[in-house]
C-alpha atoms as a PDB file:
ATOM      1  CA  UNK A   1     221.276 121.074  73.669  1.00  0.00           C
ATOM      2  CA  UNK A   2     217.748 121.058  72.313  1.00  0.00           C
ATOM      3  CA  UNK A   3     214.907 118.820  73.509  1.00  0.00           C
ATOM      4  CA  UNK A   4     212.400 117.539  70.962  1.00  0.00           C
ATOM      5  CA  UNK A   5     209.098 115.947  71.996  1.00  0.00           C
ATOM      6  CA  UNK A   6     207.130 113.796  69.572  1.00  0.00           C
ATOM      7  CA  UNK A   7     203.465 112.850  69.549  1.00  0.00           C
ATOM      8  CA  UNK A   8     203.590 110.808  66.354  1.00  0.00           C
ATOM      9  CA  UNK A   9     205.556 107.551  66.482  1.00  0.00           C
ATOM     10  CA  UNK A  10     206.382 107.529  62.778  1.00  0.00           C
ATOM     11  CA  UNK A  11     207.798 111.062  62.881  1.00  0.00           C
ATOM     12  CA  UNK A  12     209.798 110.150  65.976  1.00  0.00           C
ATOM     13  CA  UNK A  13     211.240 107.004  64.404  1.00  0.00           C
ATOM     14  CA  UNK A  14     212.190 108.819  61.211  1.00  0.00           C
ATOM     15  CA  UNK A  15     214.006 111.446  63.269  1.00  0.00           C
ATOM     16  CA  UNK A  16     215.993 109.131  65.557  1.00  0.00           C
ATOM     17  CA  UNK A  17     216.448 106.012  63.426  1.00  0.00           C
ATOM     18  CA  UNK A  18     219.884 106.857  61.988  1.00  0.00           C
ATOM     19  CA  UNK A  19     221.241 107.702  65.425  1.00  0.00           C
ATOM     20  CA  UNK A  20     219.916 104.473  66.940  1.00  0.00           C
ATOM     21  CA  UNK A  21     221.221 102.323  64.067  1.00  0.00           C
ATOM     22  CA  UNK A  22     224.731 103.693  64.628  1.00  0.00           C
ATOM     23  CA  UNK A  23     224.842 101.334  67.641  1.00  0.00           C
ATOM     24  CA  UNK A  24     222.201  98.818  66.630  1.00  0.00           C
ATOM     25  CA  UNK A  25     222.929  96.187  69.276  1.00  0.00           C
ATOM     26  CA  UNK A  26     223.086  98.690  72.131  1.00  0.00           C
ATOM     27  CA  UNK A  27     219.850 100.273  70.929  1.00  0.00           C
ATOM     28  CA  UNK A  28     217.993  97.094  69.945  1.00  0.00           C
ATOM     29  CA  UNK A  29     215.340  97.632  72.623  1.00  0.00           C
ATOM     30  CA  UNK A  30     214.657 101.242  71.592  1.00  0.00           C
ATOM     31  CA  UNK A  31     214.595 100.272  67.919  1.00  0.00           C
ATOM     32  CA  UNK A  32     212.204  97.426  68.647  1.00  0.00           C
ATOM     33  CA  UNK A  33     209.832  99.587  70.690  1.00  0.00           C
ATOM     34  CA  UNK A  34     209.887 102.269  67.991  1.00  0.00           C
ATOM     35  CA  UNK A  35     209.153  99.730  65.263  1.00  0.00           C
ATOM     36  CA  UNK A  36     206.269  98.298  67.278  1.00  0.00           C
ATOM     37  CA  UNK A  37     204.804 101.745  67.972  1.00  0.00           C
ATOM     38  CA  UNK A  38     204.783 102.396  64.224  1.00  0.00           C
ATOM     39  CA  UNK A  39     203.540  99.030  62.949  1.00  0.00           C
ATOM     40  CA  UNK A  40     201.692  97.439  65.895  1.00  0.00           C
ATOM     41  CA  UNK A  41     200.698 100.309  68.214  1.00  0.00           C
ATOM     42  CA  UNK A  42     197.984  98.207  69.862  1.00  0.00           C
ATOM     43  CA  UNK A  43     200.718  96.445  71.832  1.00  0.00           C
ATOM     44  CA  UNK A  44     201.176  99.583  73.925  1.00  0.00           C
ATOM     45  CA  UNK A  45     198.920 102.006  75.709  1.00  0.00           C
ATOM     46  CA  UNK A  46     198.395 105.373  73.966  1.00  0.00           C
ATOM     47  CA  UNK A  47     200.429 108.541  74.487  1.00  0.00           C
ATOM     48  CA  UNK A  48     203.963 107.213  75.027  1.00  0.00           C
ATOM     49  CA  UNK A  49     206.744 109.602  76.014  1.00  0.00           C
ATOM     50  CA  UNK A  50     208.946 110.035  72.939  1.00  0.00           C
ATOM     51  CA  UNK A  51     211.837 112.476  73.091  1.00  0.00           C
ATOM     52  CA  UNK A  52     215.266 113.225  71.694  1.00  0.00           C
ATOM     53  CA  UNK A  53     218.048 115.674  72.429  1.00  0.00           C
ATOM     54  CA  UNK A  54     219.967 117.340  69.601  1.00  0.00           C
ATOM     55  CA  UNK A  55     223.240 119.216  69.377  1.00  0.00           C
ATOM     56  CA  UNK A  56     223.822 121.198  66.184  1.00  0.00           C
ATOM     57  CA  UNK A  57     220.793 119.437  64.660  1.00  0.00           C
ATOM     58  CA  UNK A  58     222.310 116.009  65.351  1.00  0.00           C
ATOM     59  CA  UNK A  59     220.535 113.550  67.650  1.00  0.00           C
ATOM     60  CA  UNK A  60     222.708 112.688  70.659  1.00  0.00           C
ATOM     61  CA  UNK A  61     220.157 111.027  72.972  1.00  0.00           C
ATOM     62  CA  UNK A  62     216.780 109.287  72.840  1.00  0.00           C
ATOM     63  CA  UNK A  63     214.225 108.393  75.510  1.00  0.00           C
ATOM     64  CA  UNK A  64     211.025 106.324  75.324  1.00  0.00           C
ATOM     65  CA  UNK A  65     208.507 105.508  78.044  1.00  0.00           C
ATOM     66  CA  UNK A  66     205.395 103.443  77.367  1.00  0.00           C
ATOM     67  CA  UNK A  67     203.015 103.056  80.303  1.00  0.00           C
ATOM     68  CA  UNK A  68     203.338 101.101  82.583  1.00  0.00           C
ATOM     69  CA  UNK A  69     206.945 100.298  81.692  1.00  0.00           C
ATOM     70  CA  UNK A  70     210.171 101.984  82.727  1.00  0.00           C
ATOM     71  CA  UNK A  71     211.818 104.846  80.891  1.00  0.00           C
ATOM     72  CA  UNK A  72     214.334 103.502  78.344  1.00  0.00           C
ATOM     73  CA  UNK A  73     217.405 105.604  77.549  1.00  0.00           C
ATOM     74  CA  UNK A  74     219.841 105.413  74.650  1.00  0.00           C
ATOM     75  CA  UNK A  75     223.625 105.406  74.936  1.00  0.00           C
ATOM     76  CA  UNK A  76     223.424 109.067  75.634  1.00  0.00           C
ATOM     77  CA  UNK A  77     225.540 112.077  76.229  1.00  0.00           C
ATOM     78  CA  UNK A  78     225.279 112.378  80.009  1.00  0.00           C
ATOM     79  CA  UNK A  79     224.455 116.057  79.591  1.00  0.00           C
ATOM     80  CA  UNK A  80     221.104 114.959  78.149  1.00  0.00           C
ATOM     81  CA  UNK A  81     220.148 113.151  81.358  1.00  0.00           C
ATOM     82  CA  UNK A  82     219.176 116.333  83.162  1.00  0.00           C
ATOM     83  CA  UNK A  83     217.211 117.568  80.145  1.00  0.00           C
ATOM     84  CA  UNK A  84     215.056 114.428  80.001  1.00  0.00           C
ATOM     85  CA  UNK A  85     214.626 114.346  83.771  1.00  0.00           C
ATOM     86  CA  UNK A  86     213.538 117.983  84.005  1.00  0.00           C
ATOM     87  CA  UNK A  87     211.117 117.564  81.098  1.00  0.00           C
ATOM     88  CA  UNK A  88     209.458 114.533  82.703  1.00  0.00           C
ATOM     89  CA  UNK A  89     209.356 116.290  86.077  1.00  0.00           C
ATOM     90  CA  UNK A  90     207.883 119.493  84.632  1.00  0.00           C
ATOM     91  CA  UNK A  91     205.067 117.490  83.061  1.00  0.00           C
ATOM     92  CA  UNK A  92     204.417 115.645  86.335  1.00  0.00           C
ATOM     93  CA  UNK A  93     204.827 112.304  84.560  1.00  0.00           C
ATOM     94  CA  UNK A  94     205.112 109.208  86.713  1.00  0.00           C
ATOM     95  CA  UNK A  95     208.375 107.381  86.044  1.00  0.00           C
ATOM     96  CA  UNK A  96     208.322 103.875  87.574  1.00  0.00           C
ATOM     97  CA  UNK A  97     211.973 103.261  86.778  1.00  0.00           C
ATOM     98  CA  UNK A  98     214.709 103.636  84.205  1.00  0.00           C
ATOM     99  CA  UNK A  99     216.539 101.169  81.963  1.00  0.00           C
ATOM    100  CA  UNK A 100     219.550 101.444  79.674  1.00  0.00           C
ATOM    101  CA  UNK A 101     223.339 101.375  79.667  1.00  0.00           C
ATOM    102  CA  UNK A 102     224.621 101.394  83.209  1.00  0.00           C
ATOM    103  CA  UNK A 103     226.321 104.816  83.275  1.00  0.00           C
ATOM    104  CA  UNK A 104     223.311 106.575  81.736  1.00  0.00           C
ATOM    105  CA  UNK A 105     220.848 104.867  84.062  1.00  0.00           C
ATOM    106  CA  UNK A 106     222.782 105.667  87.225  1.00  0.00           C
ATOM    107  CA  UNK A 107     223.126 109.317  86.171  1.00  0.00           C
ATOM    108  CA  UNK A 108     219.382 109.569  85.496  1.00  0.00           C
ATOM    109  CA  UNK A 109     218.450 107.867  88.774  1.00  0.00           C
ATOM    110  CA  UNK A 110     220.559 110.327  90.767  1.00  0.00           C
ATOM    111  CA  UNK A 111     219.139 113.302  88.867  1.00  0.00           C
ATOM    112  CA  UNK A 112     215.567 112.065  89.333  1.00  0.00           C
ATOM    113  CA  UNK A 113     216.116 111.599  93.064  1.00  0.00           C
ATOM    114  CA  UNK A 114     217.400 115.176  93.346  1.00  0.00           C
ATOM    115  CA  UNK A 115     214.343 116.496  91.504  1.00  0.00           C
ATOM    116  CA  UNK A 116     211.624 114.403  93.136  1.00  0.00           C
ATOM    117  CA  UNK A 117     213.009 113.028  96.375  1.00  0.00           C
ATOM    118  CA  UNK A 118     212.249 109.510  95.142  1.00  0.00           C
ATOM    119  CA  UNK A 119     214.905 107.001  96.074  1.00  0.00           C
ATOM    120  CA  UNK A 120     215.934 104.277  93.663  1.00  0.00           C
ATOM    121  CA  UNK A 121     216.595 100.562  93.939  1.00  0.00           C
ATOM    122  CA  UNK A 122     218.646  98.388  91.603  1.00  0.00           C
ATOM    123  CA  UNK A 123     216.545  95.944  89.621  1.00  0.00           C
ATOM    124  CA  UNK A 124     218.088  93.643  87.045  1.00  0.00           C
ATOM    125  CA  UNK A 125     221.648  93.852  85.793  1.00  0.00           C
ATOM    126  CA  UNK A 126     221.736  92.652  82.217  1.00  0.00           C
ATOM    127  CA  UNK A 127     224.006  92.093  79.244  1.00  0.00           C
ATOM    128  CA  UNK A 128     223.117  92.639  75.596  1.00  0.00           C
ATOM    129  CA  UNK A 129     224.347  89.942  73.222  1.00  0.00           C
ATOM    130  CA  UNK A 130     224.601  89.883  69.429  1.00  0.00           C
ATOM    131  CA  UNK A 131     224.683  86.877  67.094  1.00  0.00           C
ATOM    132  CA  UNK A 132     225.777  86.873  63.465  1.00  0.00           C
ATOM    133  CA  UNK A 133     226.146  83.114  62.906  1.00  0.00           C
ATOM    134  CA  UNK A 134     224.689  80.142  64.781  1.00  0.00           C
ATOM    135  CA  UNK A 135     227.317  77.729  66.078  1.00  0.00           C
ATOM    136  CA  UNK A 136     226.862  73.928  66.027  1.00  0.00           C
ATOM    137  CA  UNK A 137     225.341  72.627  69.266  1.00  0.00           C
ATOM    138  CA  UNK A 138     224.218  69.340  70.774  1.00  0.00           C
ATOM    139  CA  UNK A 139     220.571  69.351  69.792  1.00  0.00           C
ATOM    140  CA  UNK A 140     217.633  68.441  71.993  1.00  0.00           C
ATOM    141  CA  UNK A 141     214.819  66.249  70.724  1.00  0.00           C
ATOM    142  CA  UNK A 142     211.862  68.016  69.185  1.00  0.00           C
ATOM    143  CA  UNK A 143     211.124  70.856  66.805  1.00  0.00           C
ATOM    144  CA  UNK A 144     210.249  74.553  66.721  1.00  0.00           C
ATOM    145  CA  UNK A 145     206.716  75.610  65.857  1.00  0.00           C
ATOM    146  CA  UNK A 146     204.593  78.748  65.888  1.00  0.00           C
ATOM    147  CA  UNK A 147     202.254  79.026  68.859  1.00  0.00           C
ATOM    148  CA  UNK A 148     198.530  78.781  68.121  1.00  0.00           C
ATOM    149  CA  UNK A 149     195.365  79.915  69.838  1.00  0.00           C
ATOM    150  CA  UNK A 150     195.099  76.451  71.417  1.00  0.00           C
ATOM    151  CA  UNK A 151     198.356  77.204  73.280  1.00  0.00           C
ATOM    152  CA  UNK A 152     197.022  80.397  74.855  1.00  0.00           C
ATOM    153  CA  UNK A 153     196.205  79.066  78.345  1.00  0.00           C
ATOM    154  CA  UNK A 154     199.557  77.293  78.633  1.00  0.00           C
ATOM    155  CA  UNK A 155     201.489  80.350  77.458  1.00  0.00           C
ATOM    156  CA  UNK A 156     199.639  82.635  79.856  1.00  0.00           C
ATOM    157  CA  UNK A 157     200.686  80.386  82.734  1.00  0.00           C
ATOM    158  CA  UNK A 158     204.264  80.028  81.515  1.00  0.00           C
ATOM    159  CA  UNK A 159     204.643  83.772  80.998  1.00  0.00           C
ATOM    160  CA  UNK A 160     203.317  84.435  84.494  1.00  0.00           C
ATOM    161  CA  UNK A 161     205.709  81.848  85.932  1.00  0.00           C
ATOM    162  CA  UNK A 162     208.600  83.425  84.022  1.00  0.00           C
ATOM    163  CA  UNK A 163     207.834  86.935  85.271  1.00  0.00           C
ATOM    164  CA  UNK A 164     207.416  85.858  88.878  1.00  0.00           C
ATOM    165  CA  UNK A 165     210.672  83.897  88.751  1.00  0.00           C
ATOM    166  CA  UNK A 166     212.726  86.640  87.086  1.00  0.00           C
ATOM    167  CA  UNK A 167     211.087  89.895  88.225  1.00  0.00           C
ATOM    168  CA  UNK A 168     209.213  88.811  91.344  1.00  0.00           C
ATOM    169  CA  UNK A 169     205.996  90.342  89.986  1.00  0.00           C
ATOM    170  CA  UNK A 170     203.612  90.283  87.047  1.00  0.00           C
ATOM    171  CA  UNK A 171     204.831  92.597  84.294  1.00  0.00           C
ATOM    172  CA  UNK A 172     202.378  91.923  81.460  1.00  0.00           C
ATOM    173  CA  UNK A 173     198.754  90.914  80.975  1.00  0.00           C
ATOM    174  CA  UNK A 174     196.898  88.468  78.742  1.00  0.00           C
ATOM    175  CA  UNK A 175     196.931  90.960  75.879  1.00  0.00           C
ATOM    176  CA  UNK A 176     200.708  90.541  75.692  1.00  0.00           C
ATOM    177  CA  UNK A 177     200.375  86.850  74.820  1.00  0.00           C
ATOM    178  CA  UNK A 178     197.353  87.458  72.584  1.00  0.00           C
ATOM    179  CA  UNK A 179     199.312  89.987  70.528  1.00  0.00           C
ATOM    180  CA  UNK A 180     202.247  87.608  70.112  1.00  0.00           C
ATOM    181  CA  UNK A 181     199.958  84.775  68.977  1.00  0.00           C
ATOM    182  CA  UNK A 182     198.105  87.050  66.569  1.00  0.00           C
ATOM    183  CA  UNK A 183     201.324  88.369  65.044  1.00  0.00           C
ATOM    184  CA  UNK A 184     203.092  84.972  64.915  1.00  0.00           C
ATOM    185  CA  UNK A 185     205.945  86.163  67.119  1.00  0.00           C
ATOM    186  CA  UNK A 186     205.825  83.479  69.812  1.00  0.00           C
ATOM    187  CA  UNK A 187     207.306  80.030  69.298  1.00  0.00           C
ATOM    188  CA  UNK A 188     207.132  76.731  71.170  1.00  0.00           C
ATOM    189  CA  UNK A 189     209.616  73.871  71.329  1.00  0.00           C
ATOM    190  CA  UNK A 190     207.674  70.645  70.970  1.00  0.00           C
ATOM    191  CA  UNK A 191     208.992  67.267  72.148  1.00  0.00           C
ATOM    192  CA  UNK A 192     205.778  65.236  72.045  1.00  0.00           C
ATOM    193  CA  UNK A 193     204.480  67.882  74.461  1.00  0.00           C
ATOM    194  CA  UNK A 194     205.203  71.616  74.668  1.00  0.00           C
ATOM    195  CA  UNK A 195     208.367  72.114  76.736  1.00  0.00           C
ATOM    196  CA  UNK A 196     209.714  75.642  76.142  1.00  0.00           C
ATOM    197  CA  UNK A 197     208.843  78.965  74.528  1.00  0.00           C
ATOM    198  CA  UNK A 198     210.602  81.975  73.061  1.00  0.00           C
ATOM    199  CA  UNK A 199     209.297  85.244  71.640  1.00  0.00           C
ATOM    200  CA  UNK A 200     210.508  87.596  68.977  1.00  0.00           C
ATOM    201  CA  UNK A 201     210.385  90.701  71.137  1.00  0.00           C
ATOM    202  CA  UNK A 202     211.128  93.294  68.492  1.00  0.00           C
ATOM    203  CA  UNK A 203     212.655  94.164  65.141  1.00  0.00           C
ATOM    204  CA  UNK A 204     215.555  96.401  64.216  1.00  0.00           C
ATOM    205  CA  UNK A 205     216.417  97.476  60.661  1.00  0.00           C
ATOM    206  CA  UNK A 206     218.893  94.593  60.368  1.00  0.00           C
ATOM    207  CA  UNK A 207     217.832  92.114  63.003  1.00  0.00           C
ATOM    208  CA  UNK A 208     215.501  90.613  65.564  1.00  0.00           C
ATOM    209  CA  UNK A 209     215.547  90.682  69.355  1.00  0.00           C
ATOM    210  CA  UNK A 210     214.617  87.432  71.095  1.00  0.00           C
ATOM    211  CA  UNK A 211     213.019  87.125  74.508  1.00  0.00           C
ATOM    212  CA  UNK A 212     211.709  86.091  76.846  1.00  0.00           C
ATOM    213  CA  UNK A 213     212.937  82.502  76.812  1.00  0.00           C
ATOM    214  CA  UNK A 214     211.357  80.151  79.329  1.00  0.00           C
ATOM    215  CA  UNK A 215     211.379  76.449  80.151  1.00  0.00           C
ATOM    216  CA  UNK A 216     209.324  75.111  83.088  1.00  0.00           C
ATOM    217  CA  UNK A 217     211.417  73.536  85.836  1.00  0.00           C
ATOM    218  CA  UNK A 218     210.287  69.997  85.035  1.00  0.00           C
ATOM    219  CA  UNK A 219     211.743  70.255  81.513  1.00  0.00           C
ATOM    220  CA  UNK A 220     215.036  71.970  82.295  1.00  0.00           C
ATOM    221  CA  UNK A 221     218.584  70.649  81.806  1.00  0.00           C
ATOM    222  CA  UNK A 222     217.596  68.858  78.611  1.00  0.00           C
ATOM    223  CA  UNK A 223     218.793  71.480  76.136  1.00  0.00           C
ATOM    224  CA  UNK A 224     215.335  72.576  75.046  1.00  0.00           C
ATOM    225  CA  UNK A 225     215.837  76.328  75.448  1.00  0.00           C
ATOM    226  CA  UNK A 226     219.283  76.180  73.831  1.00  0.00           C
ATOM    227  CA  UNK A 227     218.015  74.387  70.737  1.00  0.00           C
ATOM    228  CA  UNK A 228     214.874  76.518  70.622  1.00  0.00           C
ATOM    229  CA  UNK A 229     216.871  79.764  70.588  1.00  0.00           C
ATOM    230  CA  UNK A 230     219.415  78.359  68.123  1.00  0.00           C
ATOM    231  CA  UNK A 231     216.721  77.300  65.654  1.00  0.00           C
ATOM    232  CA  UNK A 232     214.791  80.565  65.891  1.00  0.00           C
ATOM    233  CA  UNK A 233     218.007  82.557  65.477  1.00  0.00           C
ATOM    234  CA  UNK A 234     218.870  80.541  62.366  1.00  0.00           C
ATOM    235  CA  UNK A 235     215.345  81.052  61.053  1.00  0.00           C
ATOM    236  CA  UNK A 236     215.763  84.821  61.269  1.00  0.00           C
ATOM    237  CA  UNK A 237     219.208  84.732  59.644  1.00  0.00           C
ATOM    238  CA  UNK A 238     217.764  82.629  56.819  1.00  0.00           C
ATOM    239  CA  UNK A 239     215.075  85.296  56.375  1.00  0.00           C
ATOM    240  CA  UNK A 240     217.783  87.890  55.715  1.00  0.00           C
ATOM    241  CA  UNK A 241     218.559  89.291  59.158  1.00  0.00           C
ATOM    242  CA  UNK A 242     222.190  90.230  59.737  1.00  0.00           C
ATOM    243  CA  UNK A 243     221.912  90.013  63.517  1.00  0.00           C
ATOM    244  CA  UNK A 244     219.943  88.532  66.365  1.00  0.00           C
ATOM    245  CA  UNK A 245     220.005  90.127  69.813  1.00  0.00           C
ATOM    246  CA  UNK A 246     219.015  89.116  73.310  1.00  0.00           C
ATOM    247  CA  UNK A 247     219.314  90.291  76.900  1.00  0.00           C
ATOM    248  CA  UNK A 248     220.616  88.031  79.649  1.00  0.00           C
ATOM    249  CA  UNK A 249     220.394  88.371  83.411  1.00  0.00           C
ATOM    250  CA  UNK A 250     223.908  88.738  84.851  1.00  0.00           C
ATOM    251  CA  UNK A 251     222.678  86.962  87.973  1.00  0.00           C
ATOM    252  CA  UNK A 252     222.131  83.831  85.866  1.00  0.00           C
ATOM    253  CA  UNK A 253     225.554  82.656  84.614  1.00  0.00           C
ATOM    254  CA  UNK A 254     224.017  79.479  83.173  1.00  0.00           C
ATOM    255  CA  UNK A 255     221.997  81.359  80.560  1.00  0.00           C
ATOM    256  CA  UNK A 256     224.982  83.540  79.660  1.00  0.00           C
ATOM    257  CA  UNK A 257     227.053  80.403  79.046  1.00  0.00           C
ATOM    258  CA  UNK A 258     224.295  78.730  77.021  1.00  0.00           C
ATOM    259  CA  UNK A 259     223.851  81.655  74.666  1.00  0.00           C
ATOM    260  CA  UNK A 260     227.597  82.016  74.181  1.00  0.00           C
ATOM    261  CA  UNK A 261     227.659  78.402  72.922  1.00  0.00           C
ATOM    262  CA  UNK A 262     225.001  79.249  70.333  1.00  0.00           C
ATOM    263  CA  UNK A 263     227.040  82.188  69.038  1.00  0.00           C
ATOM    264  CA  UNK A 264     225.740  85.157  71.029  1.00  0.00           C
ATOM    265  CA  UNK A 265     228.608  87.470  71.974  1.00  0.00           C
ATOM    266  CA  UNK A 266     228.438  90.156  74.689  1.00  0.00           C
ATOM    267  CA  UNK A 267     228.153  93.756  73.504  1.00  0.00           C
ATOM    268  CA  UNK A 268     227.486  95.904  76.567  1.00  0.00           C
ATOM    269  CA  UNK A 269     226.088  95.795  80.079  1.00  0.00           C
ATOM    270  CA  UNK A 270     222.929  97.562  81.108  1.00  0.00           C
ATOM    271  CA  UNK A 271     220.698  97.736  84.137  1.00  0.00           C
ATOM    272  CA  UNK A 272     217.420  99.025  85.468  1.00  0.00           C
ATOM    273  CA  UNK A 273     216.443 100.932  88.583  1.00  0.00           C
ATOM    274  CA  UNK A 274     213.042 101.145  90.219  1.00  0.00           C
ATOM    275  CA  UNK A 275     211.939 104.412  91.798  1.00  0.00           C
ATOM    276  CA  UNK A 276     210.424 104.234  95.266  1.00  0.00           C
ATOM    277  CA  UNK A 277     207.915 106.824  96.433  1.00  0.00           C
END
């Protein structure tokens, strides 16, 4: 097995793209991050960790880490786990956690603990879903619109509320919302007032990944998020996308049921672990 490190996002993407597309749904996060690093690098801090492992000149594993986020692993040959872990350890890189398909993530967490002595703690357990056609639903009142600069303060508050509710901590800063507004990748459901929002989190060669999706508590149980996601998914299909993808929290069966009604079907389970010093 051969490790390749990349310092140019475009070269990295060109090298690993075919491998990632071979399982586009499973790799939608890695594809989206790669696409963003190439086309909108300002969304991330400089000097991301970009690496692949090859066997007989064929890519068999991919890893990306953009500070301050967790390491993201592909559906990899488990033999590549130790190679990535040793490379990160040798460079004394701080790894806050790891995310990916469950078997790969657990293997990396154990390897990292053996190398560093850092213990690990389970974070979110998630499921990747794929949609190819939007199913008929009972629609909520209102309409989908692009967010504008005037929505910035509201979206900053909603995004903070979402992160505290789901992750228990702030994960992003104001620049995250500013970038989405600037690039027209954040949408609001409007029913006289703004009641819900959804982002286009990333692009793959044949699709779009949606998320986060958030409705404040006072507007829940009215179908806003369901209709919002359904309409945005249809919008992307109408634009020529073959697929839409999203992640759900396995601890929230309501959201899993809602997205199934829209037409999102489960593909694979994944999880994340946090490393504790």
